[in-house]
């Protein structure tokens, strides 16, 4: 009986740590695409380049001010913010943000 209690406690502790690791955060940066990242290759605006690259098969990403690229779980909401600076709220798992919301940065 005591071993079962210890096992149950250990499972609850691991579950608690996993939930703590999934803490919601706010990330700032620009909506870009997975091919260009921080360096758009097309002439024209960052918005035009991002939308063209996504149309051609790239994915929307968030590029933070330091140049780190984050994958985004939501591939619909970022379209309205292509090339713009935003605040993305969500949880980080590896290099992917599970998006809860996206809003224009002020």
Protein backbone atom coordinates (compact mmCIF):
# COMPACT_ATOMS: atom_id res chain seq x y z
CA UNK A 1 0.00 0.00 0.00
CA UNK A 2 2.85 2.36 0.81
CA UNK A 3 4.49 1.77 -2.59
CA UNK A 4 1.23 2.65 -4.32
CA UNK A 5 1.07 5.91 -2.35
CA UNK A 6 4.63 6.81 -3.31
CA UNK A 7 3.95 5.98 -6.95
CA UNK A 8 0.83 8.13 -6.95
CA UNK A 9 2.76 11.03 -5.38
CA UNK A 10 5.50 10.72 -7.99
CA UNK A 11 2.98 10.74 -10.83
CA UNK A 12 1.29 13.85 -9.43
CA UNK A 13 4.64 15.61 -9.07
CA UNK A 14 5.61 14.84 -12.67
CA UNK A 15 2.20 16.01 -13.89
CA UNK A 16 2.60 19.23 -11.92
CA UNK A 17 6.02 19.86 -13.45
CA UNK A 18 4.64 19.24 -16.94
CA UNK A 19 1.85 21.73 -16.34
CA UNK A 20 4.33 24.30 -15.02
CA UNK A 21 6.41 23.87 -18.18
CA UNK A 22 3.34 24.76 -20.25
CA UNK A 23 3.05 28.22 -18.70
CA UNK A 24 1.41 30.77 -20.98
CA UNK A 25 3.77 33.51 -22.16
CA UNK A 26 3.71 36.55 -24.44
CA UNK A 27 6.21 36.72 -27.29
CA UNK A 28 6.94 39.80 -29.38
CA UNK A 29 8.30 39.95 -32.89
CA UNK A 30 7.31 40.07 -36.54
CA UNK A 31 5.14 37.64 -38.47
CA UNK A 32 7.25 36.21 -41.28
CA UNK A 33 7.47 32.93 -43.15
CA UNK A 34 9.56 29.82 -42.63
CA UNK A 35 11.57 30.28 -45.82
CA UNK A 36 12.65 33.89 -45.26
CA UNK A 37 12.75 34.10 -41.47
CA UNK A 38 14.20 37.51 -40.58
CA UNK A 39 15.58 38.23 -44.08
CA UNK A 40 12.98 38.71 -46.78
CA UNK A 41 14.35 37.90 -50.21
CA UNK A 42 11.71 39.49 -52.44
CA UNK A 43 11.66 43.14 -53.34
CA UNK A 44 8.72 44.96 -51.86
CA UNK A 45 7.27 44.91 -48.39
CA UNK A 46 7.75 42.26 -45.72
CA UNK A 47 3.99 41.70 -45.89
CA UNK A 48 4.02 41.00 -49.63
CA UNK A 49 7.01 38.67 -49.34
CA UNK A 50 5.52 36.76 -46.40
CA UNK A 51 2.17 36.27 -48.11
CA UNK A 52 3.79 35.17 -51.39
CA UNK A 53 6.07 32.67 -49.63
CA UNK A 54 3.17 31.21 -47.62
CA UNK A 55 1.12 30.94 -50.79
CA UNK A 56 4.05 28.99 -52.27
CA UNK A 57 4.17 26.55 -49.34
CA UNK A 58 6.03 28.21 -46.46
CA UNK A 59 4.52 28.45 -42.98
CA UNK A 60 3.88 31.56 -40.90
CA UNK A 61 6.48 32.04 -38.14
CA UNK A 62 7.30 34.60 -35.46
CA UNK A 63 10.75 36.21 -35.57
CA UNK A 64 11.73 37.82 -32.27
CA UNK A 65 13.92 40.96 -32.07
CA UNK A 66 17.05 38.81 -31.58
CA UNK A 67 16.30 36.90 -34.80
CA UNK A 68 15.04 33.67 -33.19
CA UNK A 69 12.38 31.99 -35.30
CA UNK A 70 9.39 30.32 -33.63
CA UNK A 71 6.99 28.00 -35.43
CA UNK A 72 3.31 28.88 -34.92
CA UNK A 73 0.59 26.29 -34.32
CA UNK A 74 -2.08 28.56 -35.81
CA UNK A 75 -1.58 29.16 -39.52
CA UNK A 76 -4.76 31.23 -40.09
CA UNK A 77 -4.60 34.12 -37.61
CA UNK A 78 -1.06 35.25 -38.60
CA UNK A 79 -2.19 36.02 -42.16
CA UNK A 80 -3.84 39.25 -41.00
CA UNK A 81 -0.53 40.33 -39.43
CA UNK A 82 1.91 39.27 -42.20
CA UNK A 83 5.04 41.41 -42.03
CA UNK A 84 3.83 43.29 -38.95
CA UNK A 85 5.09 43.47 -35.38
CA UNK A 86 2.87 41.51 -33.01
CA UNK A 87 2.42 40.08 -29.55
CA UNK A 88 1.70 36.35 -29.56
CA UNK A 89 0.28 34.80 -26.41
CA UNK A 90 0.60 31.05 -25.97
CA UNK A 91 2.69 28.20 -24.65
CA UNK A 92 6.14 27.26 -25.87
CA UNK A 93 7.09 23.67 -26.59
CA UNK A 94 10.55 23.40 -28.15
CA UNK A 95 10.54 26.04 -30.88
CA UNK A 96 6.77 25.94 -31.46
CA UNK A 97 4.31 28.37 -29.90
CA UNK A 98 0.83 26.97 -29.37
CA UNK A 99 -1.02 30.17 -30.17
CA UNK A 100 -3.82 31.43 -27.96
CA UNK A 101 -3.97 34.93 -29.45
CA UNK A 102 -2.16 37.34 -31.75
CA UNK A 103 -2.45 41.12 -31.51
CA UNK A 104 -0.68 44.04 -33.13
CA UNK A 105 2.24 45.33 -31.07
CA UNK A 106 1.98 48.91 -29.91
